[in-house]
Amino acid sequence: MSSANSIHDLRHGVGKLLYGSSVYRYTLVGRTPPGLYLVPPDPWPGNADRGAAILKGEFSFFGETVSGGQLVWRPVGMSDRWLAELHSFDWLRDLRTVGGDAARRRARDLVADWLHRQSNWHEIAWRPDILARRLFAWLGQHDFFCASADDQYRRAYLVGIAKQAKHLARVLPGGVDGEPLILAIKGLIVAGLALPDREAWVTQGLRKLERQIERQILPDGGHVSRNPSAHIQVLRHLVDVRGALLAAGQPVPQTLISAIDRAAPFLRMLRHGDGGMALYNGGREETGWLVDMLLAQADARGRPPMSAPHTGFERLVANRTVVLIDTGAPPPAGLDDQAHAGPLSLELSVGKERLIVNCGARPTGHGPWAEVQRATAAHSTLVVDDTNSVEIIPGDGIGRRPIDIKHSREESDGNVWLTASHDGYAAGFGLRHTRRIYINASGDDIRGEDALYRISEGAAQARGFAIRFHLHPAVDASLVQNGAAVLLRLPSGAGWRLRTGGAALSLAESVYLGGGDEIRRAEQAVLSGVLGSPTPDNCVATVKWALKRIPKAG
């Protein structure tokens, strides 16, 4: 994190002691805006089912529900994440989707109640990213719930927006970083465009946004977090800022245009054939049609790159087969709170069906699964002695990490060869993991080799290893040929056979967390073995494996 951000965070920490005081609240009072200069475009859809539930008094986020009676803005026992979602007012879109006078009145009443009961500073409700989401929701849904309100209501609404935006302008970055910081900046820019005579907020926000684009959007278009879901949100924020600037007749900075033009093709790079996203570093499948909508809004026509050397991913495509491989280092400190220990992990899909996956991540991001889902064993890669190749710090980011990660790629007549390696096991075991993958031009023959090389004397002597291929829950797996191979059958009836040499092959239970908060049962193919004596090139283990498509049954 930059020294400037550190200073801001220190100020924010001290400021929290003052923000709740009556003296500070007085400093937010100013001239009431006469109206809105701009209602920012908000093209994103809501959820009609959730909107109908909110009409009945039920608020359900991340598997936690509060229902019945008057809404309590800080109910006891709810997680911070649930409280943040409630105070974000993103769910106004859900009420808008339901439509009608009842939904409009419900939205209007809830905003009024928040202004009456919650307009004083609170650490979660006034956190910069949550405050920014609320500003964008209130401004973007103005015509839905506020345009037809009486003058007294509209005055309270405008005063509330002005006070919150004034606070946001003061405290940024306010203890947030990464995608939440870009969100907070978006809120400041949009508020500055929406309210008259607030050009200083726009100037401040665009200056901060340019710095964060240079810091967070890498040259190949990927987000520095290496999390596909975070990448989606960042691209959405950038598109929102561009849309608001255009609606206001303001010039769009070239830095912002360039970032969108790079980030949209990268998003396509990490999509599977079903339209959803790969599962890396806290990312989830997401909803394919929503990703399509975002790409349409981005209006960036670039083709997905096959290599993203700065973010650290490779995409191998042959016919309808897609292989995605993590060839990158963990995000830098301060932006690695969701980073996973999955170097060289791969995912494989055929058409619209996923075959090999990583386990994914629950959106709640806390509880007993928080560290398990980040472990190397939760990824389709090699694990030495059930030890993470990247040190995971519980409740925080990454400690020990690979220093030397390499990869090379060759293509000829549609065939692709990829070689990648990392030294994440150097400190503990003195080992380097190398993975070689080949896919033929027709996409029906994939071959791999995983090897461990002795590069130094580690702190401990490794005993064994396991190569895990986690299977999507829809895949039916069975051992065949007296345990020498695994038959993998997709829902369409297409089959693949996994063979191996140099390791024992077995099936084991797994879980799939990539589809949301639900934990789904799945299986994994495990190739296990022990380390041997070093060869002349110091190789202590080599496993060859092959995936070959077989005709449909019947």
Protein backbone atom coordinates (compact mmCIF):
# COMPACT_ATOMS: atom_id res chain seq x y z
CA MET A 1 0.00 0.00 0.00
CA SER A 2 1.27 3.47 -0.85
CA SER A 3 2.48 5.86 1.85
CA ALA A 4 -0.32 8.26 0.88
CA ASN A 5 -2.92 5.56 1.55
CA SER A 6 -1.23 4.71 4.85
CA ILE A 7 -1.50 8.33 5.95
CA HIS A 8 -5.17 8.42 4.95
CA ASP A 9 -5.80 5.20 6.86
CA LEU A 10 -4.13 6.64 9.96
CA ARG A 11 -6.29 9.73 9.69
CA HIS A 12 -9.35 7.52 9.24
CA GLY A 13 -8.51 5.54 12.36
CA VAL A 14 -8.23 8.72 14.41
CA GLY A 15 -11.26 10.22 12.71
CA LYS A 16 -13.51 7.33 13.74
CA LEU A 17 -13.31 8.68 17.27
CA LEU A 18 -14.85 11.94 16.06
CA TYR A 19 -17.29 11.01 13.30
CA GLY A 20 -20.07 10.01 15.68
CA SER A 21 -19.96 13.26 17.65
CA SER A 22 -22.51 16.05 17.36
CA VAL A 23 -19.68 18.44 16.53
CA TYR A 24 -18.74 16.41 13.46
CA ARG A 25 -22.37 16.06 12.36
CA TYR A 26 -22.65 19.83 12.43
CA THR A 27 -19.72 20.17 10.03
CA LEU A 28 -21.65 18.18 7.42
CA VAL A 29 -24.51 20.66 7.38
CA GLY A 30 -24.52 22.95 4.36
CA ARG A 31 -26.76 24.64 1.85
CA THR A 32 -29.55 22.36 0.69
CA PRO A 33 -29.13 21.53 -3.01
CA PRO A 34 -32.04 22.94 -5.05
CA GLY A 35 -32.40 19.68 -6.92
CA LEU A 36 -30.49 17.13 -8.96
CA TYR A 37 -28.51 18.24 -11.96
CA LEU A 38 -28.29 14.63 -13.15
CA VAL A 39 -29.90 11.28 -12.48
CA PRO A 40 -27.05 8.88 -13.27
CA PRO A 41 -27.80 5.94 -15.56
CA ASP A 42 -28.32 2.70 -13.62
CA PRO A 43 -28.94 -0.06 -16.19
CA TRP A 44 -28.37 -2.99 -13.85
CA PRO A 45 -31.30 -5.33 -13.21
CA GLY A 46 -32.89 -6.21 -9.90
CA ASN A 47 -34.33 -9.44 -8.56
CA ALA A 48 -38.11 -9.53 -8.58
CA ASP A 49 -38.35 -12.41 -6.09
CA ARG A 50 -36.19 -10.60 -3.57
CA GLY A 51 -38.14 -7.42 -4.22
CA ALA A 52 -41.41 -9.19 -3.46
CA ALA A 53 -39.91 -10.51 -0.22
CA ILE A 54 -38.81 -6.99 0.78
CA LEU A 55 -42.37 -5.80 0.17
CA LYS A 56 -43.42 -8.35 2.80
CA GLY A 57 -40.74 -7.19 5.24
CA GLU A 58 -38.17 -9.93 4.60
CA PHE A 59 -34.52 -9.06 3.99
CA SER A 60 -32.38 -12.03 3.06
CA PHE A 61 -28.69 -11.76 2.16
CA PHE A 62 -25.96 -14.43 2.18
CA GLY A 63 -28.23 -17.02 3.78
CA GLU A 64 -29.19 -14.75 6.70
CA THR A 65 -32.76 -13.46 6.97
CA VAL A 66 -34.60 -10.88 9.05
CA SER A 67 -38.35 -10.63 8.59
CA GLY A 68 -41.50 -9.26 10.15
CA GLY A 69 -42.47 -6.00 11.77
CA GLN A 70 -40.66 -2.69 11.46
CA LEU A 71 -37.23 -2.95 9.93
CA VAL A 72 -34.43 -2.84 12.49
CA TRP A 73 -31.34 -1.37 10.83
CA ARG A 74 -28.91 -3.05 13.22
CA PRO A 75 -30.47 -6.36 14.29
CA VAL A 76 -28.51 -8.34 16.86
CA GLY A 77 -26.64 -11.38 15.64
CA MET A 78 -26.36 -10.49 11.96
CA SER A 79 -22.96 -10.53 10.27
CA ASP A 80 -21.16 -7.36 9.25
CA ARG A 81 -21.55 -8.45 5.63
CA TRP A 82 -25.32 -8.71 6.04
CA LEU A 83 -25.48 -5.28 7.68
CA ALA A 84 -23.36 -3.79 4.89
CA GLU A 85 -25.74 -5.20 2.26
CA LEU A 86 -28.76 -3.84 4.08
CA HIS A 87 -27.30 -0.33 4.39
CA SER A 88 -26.08 -0.32 0.78
CA PHE A 89 -29.63 -0.03 -0.59
CA ASP A 90 -28.61 -2.01 -3.67
CA TRP A 91 -31.91 -3.82 -3.17
CA LEU A 92 -33.80 -0.72 -4.34
CA ARG A 93 -33.33 -2.23 -7.81
CA ASP A 94 -35.27 -5.26 -6.62
CA LEU A 95 -38.22 -3.08 -5.65
CA ARG A 96 -37.93 -1.20 -8.96
CA THR A 97 -38.11 -4.52 -10.79
CA VAL A 98 -41.31 -5.42 -8.93
CA GLY A 99 -42.72 -2.01 -9.90
CA GLY A 100 -46.06 -0.49 -8.96
CA ASP A 101 -47.18 1.94 -6.28
CA ALA A 102 -46.68 -0.49 -3.40
CA ALA A 103 -43.03 -1.04 -4.28
CA ARG A 104 -42.52 2.69 -4.81
CA ARG A 105 -44.03 3.54 -1.43
CA ARG A 106 -41.98 0.82 0.26
CA ALA A 107 -38.76 2.19 -1.23
CA ARG A 108 -39.69 5.74 -0.27
CA ASP A 109 -40.57 4.75 3.30
CA LEU A 110 -37.35 2.79 3.80
CA VAL A 111 -35.17 5.65 2.58
CA ALA A 112 -37.07 8.07 4.83
CA ASP A 113 -36.72 5.75 7.82
CA TRP A 114 -32.98 5.42 7.22
CA LEU A 115 -32.63 9.21 7.04
CA HIS A 116 -34.56 9.55 10.28
CA ARG A 117 -32.89 6.78 12.25
CA GLN A 118 -29.48 6.14 10.69
CA SER A 119 -28.18 9.42 9.32
CA ASN A 120 -25.55 9.65 12.08
CA TRP A 121 -22.19 8.03 11.43
CA HIS A 122 -21.87 4.28 11.95
CA GLU A 123 -18.74 2.31 11.12
CA ILE A 124 -20.41 -0.14 8.72
CA ALA A 125 -23.21 2.01 7.30
CA TRP A 126 -20.83 4.92 6.63
CA ARG A 127 -17.88 2.86 5.43
CA PRO A 128 -16.79 4.51 2.16
CA ASP A 129 -17.72 1.64 -0.15
CA ILE A 130 -21.11 1.05 1.50
CA LEU A 131 -21.84 4.76 1.56
CA ALA A 132 -20.97 4.95 -2.14
CA ARG A 133 -23.28 2.05 -3.01
CA ARG A 134 -26.07 3.81 -1.14
CA LEU A 135 -25.44 7.11 -2.93
CA PHE A 136 -25.44 5.39 -6.33
CA ALA A 137 -28.64 3.49 -5.46
CA TRP A 138 -30.47 6.56 -4.17
CA LEU A 139 -29.41 8.67 -7.12
CA GLY A 140 -29.91 6.01 -9.76
CA GLN A 141 -33.40 5.12 -8.46
CA HIS A 142 -34.47 8.73 -7.95
CA ASP A 143 -37.12 8.64 -10.65
CA PHE A 144 -38.56 5.42 -9.24
CA PHE A 145 -39.19 6.44 -5.64
CA CYS A 146 -38.39 10.14 -5.20
CA ALA A 147 -39.50 12.09 -8.27
CA SER A 148 -43.17 12.01 -7.24
CA ALA A 149 -42.55 12.69 -3.53
CA ASP A 150 -43.57 15.91 -1.79
CA ASP A 151 -41.21 18.86 -1.31
CA GLN A 152 -40.42 18.02 2.32
CA TYR A 153 -39.37 14.48 1.41
CA ARG A 154 -37.26 15.65 -1.50
CA ARG A 155 -35.52 18.20 0.69
CA ALA A 156 -34.61 15.54 3.29
CA TYR A 157 -33.40 13.27 0.48
CA LEU A 158 -31.16 15.97 -1.01
CA VAL A 159 -29.78 16.98 2.40
CA GLY A 160 -28.98 13.34 3.17
CA ILE A 161 -27.15 12.82 -0.11
CA ALA A 162 -25.16 16.04 0.30
CA LYS A 163 -24.09 15.19 3.86
CA GLN A 164 -23.00 11.67 2.96
CA ALA A 165 -21.09 12.79 -0.13
CA LYS A 166 -19.38 15.54 1.85
CA HIS A 167 -18.20 12.96 4.38
CA LEU A 168 -17.04 10.66 1.59
CA ALA A 169 -14.98 13.42 0.00
CA ARG A 170 -13.26 14.05 3.33
CA VAL A 171 -12.35 10.52 4.33
CA LEU A 172 -11.28 8.74 1.13
CA PRO A 173 -9.78 6.17 1.04
CA GLY A 174 -11.14 5.74 4.55
CA GLY A 175 -9.64 2.35 5.27
CA VAL A 176 -10.76 0.58 2.09
CA ASP A 177 -8.64 -0.59 -0.82
CA GLY A 178 -8.88 -2.60 -4.01
CA GLU A 179 -12.31 -2.91 -5.61
CA PRO A 180 -14.10 -1.26 -2.63
CA LEU A 181 -11.91 1.83 -3.07
CA ILE A 182 -12.81 2.14 -6.75
CA LEU A 183 -16.47 1.77 -5.73
CA ALA A 184 -16.08 4.55 -3.16
CA ILE A 185 -14.47 6.82 -5.75
CA LYS A 186 -17.35 6.09 -8.13
CA GLY A 187 -19.81 7.23 -5.50
CA LEU A 188 -17.98 10.53 -5.05
CA ILE A 189 -17.79 11.21 -8.80
CA VAL A 190 -21.45 10.38 -9.39
CA ALA A 191 -22.56 12.53 -6.44
CA GLY A 192 -20.47 15.41 -7.77
CA LEU A 193 -22.09 15.09 -11.19
CA ALA A 194 -25.60 14.76 -9.76
CA LEU A 195 -25.57 17.72 -7.37
CA PRO A 196 -25.16 21.31 -8.60
CA ASP A 197 -21.93 23.16 -7.87
CA ARG A 198 -20.02 20.08 -6.73
CA GLU A 199 -17.40 20.07 -9.50
CA ALA A 200 -14.64 19.78 -6.88
CA TRP A 201 -15.89 16.30 -5.97
CA VAL A 202 -15.74 15.24 -9.61
CA THR A 203 -12.21 16.59 -9.97
CA GLN A 204 -11.09 14.91 -6.74
CA GLY A 205 -12.72 11.63 -7.70
CA LEU A 206 -11.32 11.50 -11.23
CA ARG A 207 -7.84 12.24 -9.94
CA LYS A 208 -8.10 9.40 -7.42
CA LEU A 209 -9.65 7.09 -10.00
CA GLU A 210 -6.79 7.63 -12.42
CA ARG A 211 -4.28 6.70 -9.72
CA GLN A 212 -6.22 3.55 -8.80
CA ILE A 213 -6.59 2.50 -12.43
CA GLU A 214 -2.84 2.70 -12.86
CA ARG A 215 -2.37 0.74 -9.64
CA GLN A 216 -5.14 -1.85 -9.91
CA ILE A 217 -5.70 -2.48 -13.63
CA LEU A 218 -2.67 -4.30 -14.97
CA PRO A 219 -1.33 -3.81 -18.50
CA ASP A 220 -3.04 -7.00 -19.75
CA GLY A 221 -6.39 -5.75 -18.41
CA GLY A 222 -6.64 -7.96 -15.35
CA HIS A 223 -7.45 -6.69 -11.87
CA VAL A 224 -4.59 -6.86 -9.42
CA SER A 225 -6.62 -9.07 -7.02
CA ARG A 226 -6.65 -11.86 -9.66
CA ASN A 227 -10.25 -12.51 -8.58
CA PRO A 228 -12.65 -12.78 -11.56
CA SER A 229 -15.64 -11.69 -9.45
CA ALA A 230 -13.77 -8.60 -8.21
CA HIS A 231 -12.76 -7.92 -11.81
CA ILE A 232 -16.45 -7.90 -12.80
CA GLN A 233 -17.27 -5.38 -10.10
CA VAL A 234 -14.36 -3.10 -11.01
CA LEU A 235 -15.34 -3.12 -14.68
CA ARG A 236 -18.92 -2.33 -13.69
CA HIS A 237 -17.77 0.65 -11.61
CA LEU A 238 -15.69 1.97 -14.51
CA VAL A 239 -18.63 1.60 -16.89
CA ASP A 240 -20.89 3.41 -14.40
CA VAL A 241 -18.46 6.33 -14.13
CA ARG A 242 -18.18 6.57 -17.90
CA GLY A 243 -21.96 6.48 -18.26
CA ALA A 244 -22.44 9.24 -15.69
CA LEU A 245 -19.81 11.44 -17.34
CA LEU A 246 -21.41 10.99 -20.75
CA ALA A 247 -24.88 11.70 -19.38
CA ALA A 248 -23.56 14.91 -17.82
CA GLY A 249 -21.89 15.98 -21.06
CA GLN A 250 -18.46 15.73 -19.45
CA PRO A 251 -15.34 14.44 -21.23
CA VAL A 252 -14.30 10.88 -20.40
CA PRO A 253 -10.61 10.67 -19.43
CA GLN A 254 -8.47 8.58 -21.75
CA THR A 255 -7.21 6.60 -18.76
CA LEU A 256 -10.76 5.44 -18.05
CA ILE A 257 -11.45 4.60 -21.70
CA SER A 258 -8.25 2.59 -21.95
CA ALA A 259 -8.96 0.71 -18.72
CA ILE A 260 -12.40 -0.40 -19.96
CA ASP A 261 -10.97 -1.37 -23.34
CA ARG A 262 -8.41 -3.62 -21.60
CA ALA A 263 -10.57 -4.98 -18.79
CA ALA A 264 -13.48 -6.19 -20.95
CA PRO A 265 -11.41 -8.56 -23.15
CA PHE A 266 -9.69 -9.90 -20.03
CA LEU A 267 -13.10 -10.69 -18.56
CA ARG A 268 -13.82 -12.78 -21.65
CA MET A 269 -10.54 -14.60 -21.11
CA LEU A 270 -11.66 -16.10 -17.79
CA ARG A 271 -15.09 -17.27 -18.99
CA HIS A 272 -16.00 -20.88 -19.54
CA GLY A 273 -18.26 -22.12 -22.31
CA ASP A 274 -21.31 -21.85 -20.05
CA GLY A 275 -20.80 -18.08 -19.87
CA GLY A 276 -19.74 -18.13 -16.21
CA MET A 277 -16.39 -17.32 -14.68
CA ALA A 278 -13.43 -19.41 -13.62
CA LEU A 279 -13.00 -20.00 -9.88
CA TYR A 280 -9.81 -18.31 -8.75
CA ASN A 281 -8.92 -16.25 -5.67
CA GLY A 282 -12.39 -15.93 -4.23
CA GLY A 283 -14.20 -15.73 -7.55
CA ARG A 284 -17.51 -17.45 -8.25
CA GLU A 285 -19.30 -18.62 -11.39
CA GLU A 286 -21.46 -15.47 -11.55
CA THR A 287 -24.48 -15.33 -13.86
CA GLY A 288 -23.70 -15.69 -17.55
CA TRP A 289 -26.36 -13.31 -18.88
CA LEU A 290 -25.30 -10.63 -16.38
CA VAL A 291 -21.72 -10.97 -17.61
CA ASP A 292 -23.05 -10.62 -21.16
CA MET A 293 -24.89 -7.48 -20.11
CA LEU A 294 -21.77 -5.99 -18.55
CA LEU A 295 -19.74 -6.69 -21.67
CA ALA A 296 -22.45 -5.07 -23.79
CA GLN A 297 -22.43 -2.00 -21.55
CA ALA A 298 -18.63 -1.87 -21.70
CA ASP A 299 -18.85 -1.82 -25.51
CA ALA A 300 -15.25 -3.03 -25.82
CA ARG A 301 -14.84 -5.33 -28.82
CA GLY A 302 -11.42 -6.83 -28.12
CA ARG A 303 -11.01 -10.59 -28.36
CA PRO A 304 -10.08 -12.46 -25.18
CA PRO A 305 -6.31 -12.74 -24.81
CA MET A 306 -4.84 -16.23 -24.70
CA SER A 307 -2.06 -15.09 -22.37
CA ALA A 308 -2.23 -12.56 -19.53
CA PRO A 309 1.38 -12.39 -18.34
CA HIS A 310 0.90 -9.53 -15.88
CA THR A 311 -2.15 -10.96 -14.12
CA GLY A 312 -0.91 -14.52 -14.55
CA PHE A 313 -3.40 -16.66 -16.47
CA GLU A 314 -3.25 -18.76 -19.64
CA ARG A 315 -6.18 -19.78 -21.82
CA LEU A 316 -5.89 -22.85 -24.04
CA VAL A 317 -8.70 -23.23 -26.57
CA ALA A 318 -9.16 -26.02 -29.08
CA ASN A 319 -12.50 -26.56 -30.77
CA ARG A 320 -15.06 -26.43 -27.92
CA THR A 321 -12.56 -27.29 -25.18
CA VAL A 322 -11.27 -24.55 -22.86
CA VAL A 323 -8.43 -24.99 -20.36
CA LEU A 324 -7.59 -22.16 -17.95
CA ILE A 325 -4.39 -22.23 -15.91
CA ASP A 326 -3.14 -20.05 -13.05
CA THR A 327 0.44 -19.07 -13.87
CA GLY A 328 0.71 -16.00 -11.66
CA ALA A 329 1.94 -14.87 -8.25
CA PRO A 330 -0.44 -13.90 -5.43
CA PRO A 331 -1.60 -10.27 -5.34
CA PRO A 332 0.59 -7.76 -3.49
CA ALA A 333 0.22 -7.27 0.24
CA GLY A 334 -2.84 -5.23 1.11
CA LEU A 335 -4.77 -6.56 -1.88
CA ASP A 336 -4.42 -10.27 -1.06
CA ASP A 337 -7.10 -10.76 1.59
CA GLN A 338 -9.05 -13.17 -0.65
CA ALA A 339 -6.06 -14.71 -2.44
CA HIS A 340 -5.97 -18.50 -2.73
CA ALA A 341 -3.03 -20.89 -2.65
CA GLY A 342 -3.60 -22.35 -6.11
CA PRO A 343 -0.47 -21.93 -8.26
CA LEU A 344 -0.66 -23.91 -11.54
CA SER A 345 -4.25 -24.99 -10.86
CA LEU A 346 -6.34 -25.65 -13.94
CA GLU A 347 -9.99 -25.67 -14.94
CA LEU A 348 -11.46 -27.43 -17.95
CA SER A 349 -14.79 -27.06 -19.73
CA VAL A 350 -16.18 -28.60 -22.89
CA GLY A 351 -18.84 -26.58 -24.61
CA LYS A 352 -21.26 -25.43 -21.93
CA GLU A 353 -20.26 -28.14 -19.46
CA ARG A 354 -17.57 -27.86 -16.78
CA LEU A 355 -15.43 -30.91 -16.19
CA ILE A 356 -12.47 -29.99 -13.95
CA VAL A 357 -12.84 -27.08 -11.54
CA ASN A 358 -11.39 -25.51 -8.45
CA CYS A 359 -13.60 -25.72 -5.37
CA GLY A 360 -14.47 -22.03 -5.50
CA ALA A 361 -15.45 -19.74 -2.64
CA ARG A 362 -18.58 -18.99 -0.66
CA PRO A 363 -19.63 -15.34 -1.02
CA THR A 364 -19.89 -14.92 2.75
CA GLY A 365 -16.10 -15.20 2.98
CA HIS A 366 -16.13 -16.17 6.66
CA GLY A 367 -16.80 -19.15 8.92
CA PRO A 368 -15.22 -22.61 8.86
CA TRP A 369 -14.86 -22.65 5.08
CA ALA A 370 -12.94 -19.37 4.89
CA GLU A 371 -9.47 -20.91 5.08
CA VAL A 372 -10.35 -24.35 3.67
CA GLN A 373 -11.51 -22.88 0.36
CA ARG A 374 -8.22 -20.97 0.02
CA ALA A 375 -6.01 -24.04 0.55
CA THR A 376 -3.94 -25.62 -2.21
CA ALA A 377 -5.87 -28.87 -1.72
CA ALA A 378 -9.06 -27.06 -2.82
CA HIS A 379 -7.54 -26.50 -6.27
CA SER A 380 -6.83 -28.75 -9.22
CA THR A 381 -3.08 -28.80 -8.82
CA LEU A 382 -0.29 -30.65 -7.01
CA VAL A 383 0.01 -30.61 -3.21
CA VAL A 384 3.10 -31.68 -1.28
CA ASP A 385 2.48 -33.37 2.08
CA ASP A 386 -0.93 -31.71 2.46
CA THR A 387 0.89 -28.37 2.78
CA ASN A 388 -0.16 -25.13 1.14
CA SER A 389 2.18 -23.90 -1.57
CA VAL A 390 1.34 -20.35 -0.44
CA GLU A 391 1.08 -19.42 3.24
CA ILE A 392 -2.47 -18.43 4.15
CA ILE A 393 -2.82 -16.09 7.11
CA PRO A 394 -6.21 -16.74 8.75
CA GLY A 395 -8.49 -13.74 8.48
CA ASP A 396 -5.92 -11.84 6.48
CA GLY A 397 -3.85 -12.18 3.34
CA ILE A 398 -0.79 -14.11 2.22
CA GLY A 399 2.48 -14.69 4.04
CA ARG A 400 5.16 -16.84 2.44
CA ARG A 401 4.64 -16.88 -1.31
CA PRO A 402 6.38 -18.18 -4.45
CA ILE A 403 9.28 -16.01 -5.52
CA ASP A 404 10.04 -17.50 -8.92
CA ILE A 405 7.10 -18.36 -11.21
CA LYS A 406 7.83 -19.13 -14.85
CA HIS A 407 5.89 -20.22 -17.88
CA SER A 408 6.31 -20.63 -21.62
CA ARG A 409 3.87 -21.38 -24.41
CA GLU A 410 4.16 -22.81 -27.90
CA GLU A 411 1.53 -23.23 -30.61
CA SER A 412 1.60 -25.06 -33.92
CA ASP A 413 -1.26 -25.96 -36.26
CA GLY A 414 -3.80 -25.47 -33.48
CA ASN A 415 -1.90 -27.62 -30.98
CA VAL A 416 -0.77 -25.89 -27.79
CA TRP A 417 2.01 -26.72 -25.32
CA LEU A 418 2.30 -24.91 -22.00
CA THR A 419 5.07 -25.30 -19.41
CA ALA A 420 4.81 -23.54 -16.04
CA SER A 421 6.56 -23.84 -12.69
CA HIS A 422 6.66 -22.26 -9.23
CA ASP A 423 8.91 -22.47 -6.18
CA GLY A 424 6.23 -22.20 -3.52
CA TYR A 425 7.57 -25.36 -1.88
CA ALA A 426 11.20 -24.17 -1.88
CA ALA A 427 11.30 -22.79 1.66
CA GLY A 428 9.54 -25.73 3.29
CA PHE A 429 10.77 -28.66 1.22
CA GLY A 430 13.36 -27.35 -1.24
CA LEU A 431 11.13 -28.31 -4.20
CA ARG A 432 9.91 -26.74 -7.44
CA HIS A 433 6.67 -27.86 -9.07
CA THR A 434 6.59 -27.97 -12.87
CA ARG A 435 3.43 -28.63 -14.87
CA ARG A 436 3.42 -29.32 -18.61
CA ILE A 437 0.16 -29.44 -20.56
CA TYR A 438 -0.59 -30.25 -24.18
CA ILE A 439 -3.93 -29.94 -25.99
CA ASN A 440 -4.42 -31.05 -29.57
CA ALA A 441 -6.11 -28.98 -32.24
CA SER A 442 -9.41 -30.87 -32.03
CA GLY A 443 -9.60 -30.42 -28.24
CA ASP A 444 -10.26 -34.09 -27.50
CA ASP A 445 -6.78 -35.09 -26.30
CA ILE A 446 -5.18 -33.37 -23.30
CA ARG A 447 -1.94 -34.59 -21.82
CA GLY A 448 -0.11 -33.42 -18.74
CA GLU A 449 2.99 -34.00 -16.72
CA ASP A 450 3.56 -32.86 -13.15
CA ALA A 451 7.07 -33.06 -11.74
CA LEU A 452 8.88 -32.09 -8.55
CA TYR A 453 12.53 -31.01 -8.68
CA ARG A 454 14.95 -30.70 -5.78
CA ILE A 455 16.35 -27.15 -5.88
CA SER A 456 17.64 -26.73 -2.31
CA GLU A 457 17.67 -28.27 1.14
CA GLY A 458 14.29 -27.46 2.57
CA ALA A 459 13.31 -27.15 6.21
CA ALA A 460 11.68 -30.61 6.08
CA GLN A 461 11.92 -33.74 3.99
CA ALA A 462 8.77 -34.20 1.90
CA ARG A 463 7.26 -37.66 1.94
CA GLY A 464 4.48 -37.66 -0.60
CA PHE A 465 2.30 -35.64 -2.94
CA ALA A 466 -1.16 -35.62 -4.44
CA ILE A 467 -2.39 -34.21 -7.73
CA ARG A 468 -6.04 -33.32 -7.39
CA PHE A 469 -8.57 -32.88 -10.17
CA HIS A 470 -11.76 -31.55 -8.60
CA LEU A 471 -14.80 -32.43 -10.68
CA HIS A 472 -17.89 -30.33 -11.23
CA PRO A 473 -20.88 -31.73 -9.29
CA ALA A 474 -22.66 -32.57 -12.56
CA VAL A 475 -19.85 -34.95 -13.59
CA ASP A 476 -20.37 -38.66 -12.95
CA ALA A 477 -17.05 -40.39 -12.15
CA SER A 478 -16.22 -44.07 -11.86
CA LEU A 479 -13.05 -46.13 -11.65
CA VAL A 480 -12.65 -48.49 -14.59
CA GLN A 481 -10.08 -50.96 -15.93
CA ASN A 482 -9.37 -52.34 -12.45
CA GLY A 483 -8.63 -48.87 -11.10
CA ALA A 484 -6.22 -47.92 -13.87
CA ALA A 485 -8.46 -45.15 -15.23
CA VAL A 486 -11.38 -42.93 -14.32
CA LEU A 487 -14.37 -42.57 -16.62
CA LEU A 488 -15.87 -39.07 -16.48
CA ARG A 489 -19.36 -38.65 -17.89
CA LEU A 490 -20.87 -35.22 -18.51
CA PRO A 491 -24.64 -34.54 -18.35
CA SER A 492 -24.77 -34.40 -22.16
CA GLY A 493 -23.50 -37.97 -22.28
CA ALA A 494 -20.03 -37.01 -23.50
CA GLY A 495 -17.32 -39.04 -21.84
CA TRP A 496 -13.66 -38.53 -21.00
CA ARG A 497 -11.14 -41.07 -19.73
CA LEU A 498 -8.41 -40.04 -17.28
CA ARG A 499 -5.29 -42.23 -17.25
CA THR A 500 -2.12 -41.79 -15.28
CA GLY A 501 1.39 -43.16 -14.93
CA GLY A 502 3.69 -42.70 -11.92
CA ALA A 503 0.95 -42.37 -9.30
CA ALA A 504 -1.91 -44.28 -7.71
CA LEU A 505 -5.33 -43.25 -9.00
CA SER A 506 -8.38 -42.98 -6.76
CA LEU A 507 -11.66 -41.12 -6.31
CA ALA A 508 -12.46 -39.10 -3.20
CA GLU A 509 -15.17 -36.77 -1.97
CA SER A 510 -14.97 -33.07 -2.70
CA VAL A 511 -17.16 -29.99 -2.41
CA TYR A 512 -18.15 -27.27 -4.83
CA LEU A 513 -18.59 -23.71 -3.59
CA GLY A 514 -18.52 -21.85 -6.87
CA GLY A 515 -22.25 -21.54 -7.49
CA GLY A 516 -23.14 -19.29 -4.56
CA ASP A 517 -23.63 -19.84 -0.85
CA GLU A 518 -24.71 -23.46 -1.39
CA ILE A 519 -22.25 -26.24 -0.58
CA ARG A 520 -22.61 -28.97 -3.20
CA ARG A 521 -21.21 -32.48 -3.00
CA ALA A 522 -18.70 -33.39 -5.67
CA GLU A 523 -15.86 -35.80 -6.36
CA GLN A 524 -12.18 -35.49 -7.12
CA ALA A 525 -9.72 -37.71 -8.92
CA VAL A 526 -6.56 -38.00 -6.83
CA LEU A 527 -3.17 -39.04 -8.22
CA SER A 528 -0.96 -39.81 -5.23
CA GLY A 529 2.64 -40.90 -4.90
CA VAL A 530 5.85 -40.69 -2.90
CA LEU A 531 9.08 -38.89 -3.69
CA GLY A 532 12.02 -40.91 -4.95
CA SER A 533 15.75 -40.42 -5.25
CA PRO A 534 16.85 -37.47 -7.39
CA THR A 535 17.59 -38.17 -11.05
CA PRO A 536 20.58 -36.44 -12.71
CA ASP A 537 18.40 -33.36 -13.25
CA ASN A 538 17.24 -33.53 -9.58
CA CYS A 539 13.71 -34.71 -10.39
CA VAL A 540 12.23 -36.59 -7.42
CA ALA A 541 8.75 -37.31 -8.80
CA THR A 542 7.14 -37.38 -12.23
CA VAL A 543 3.50 -38.12 -12.99
CA LYS A 544 2.10 -38.28 -16.50
CA TRP A 545 -1.64 -38.09 -17.05
CA ALA A 546 -3.94 -37.91 -20.03
CA LEU A 547 -7.55 -36.92 -20.63
CA LYS A 548 -9.05 -38.30 -23.81
CA ARG A 549 -12.56 -37.87 -25.08
CA ILE A 550 -14.52 -41.06 -25.78
CA PRO A 551 -17.72 -41.48 -27.82
CA LYS A 552 -21.09 -40.99 -26.17
CA ALA A 553 -22.67 -44.07 -24.71
CA GLY A 554 -25.32 -45.60 -26.91
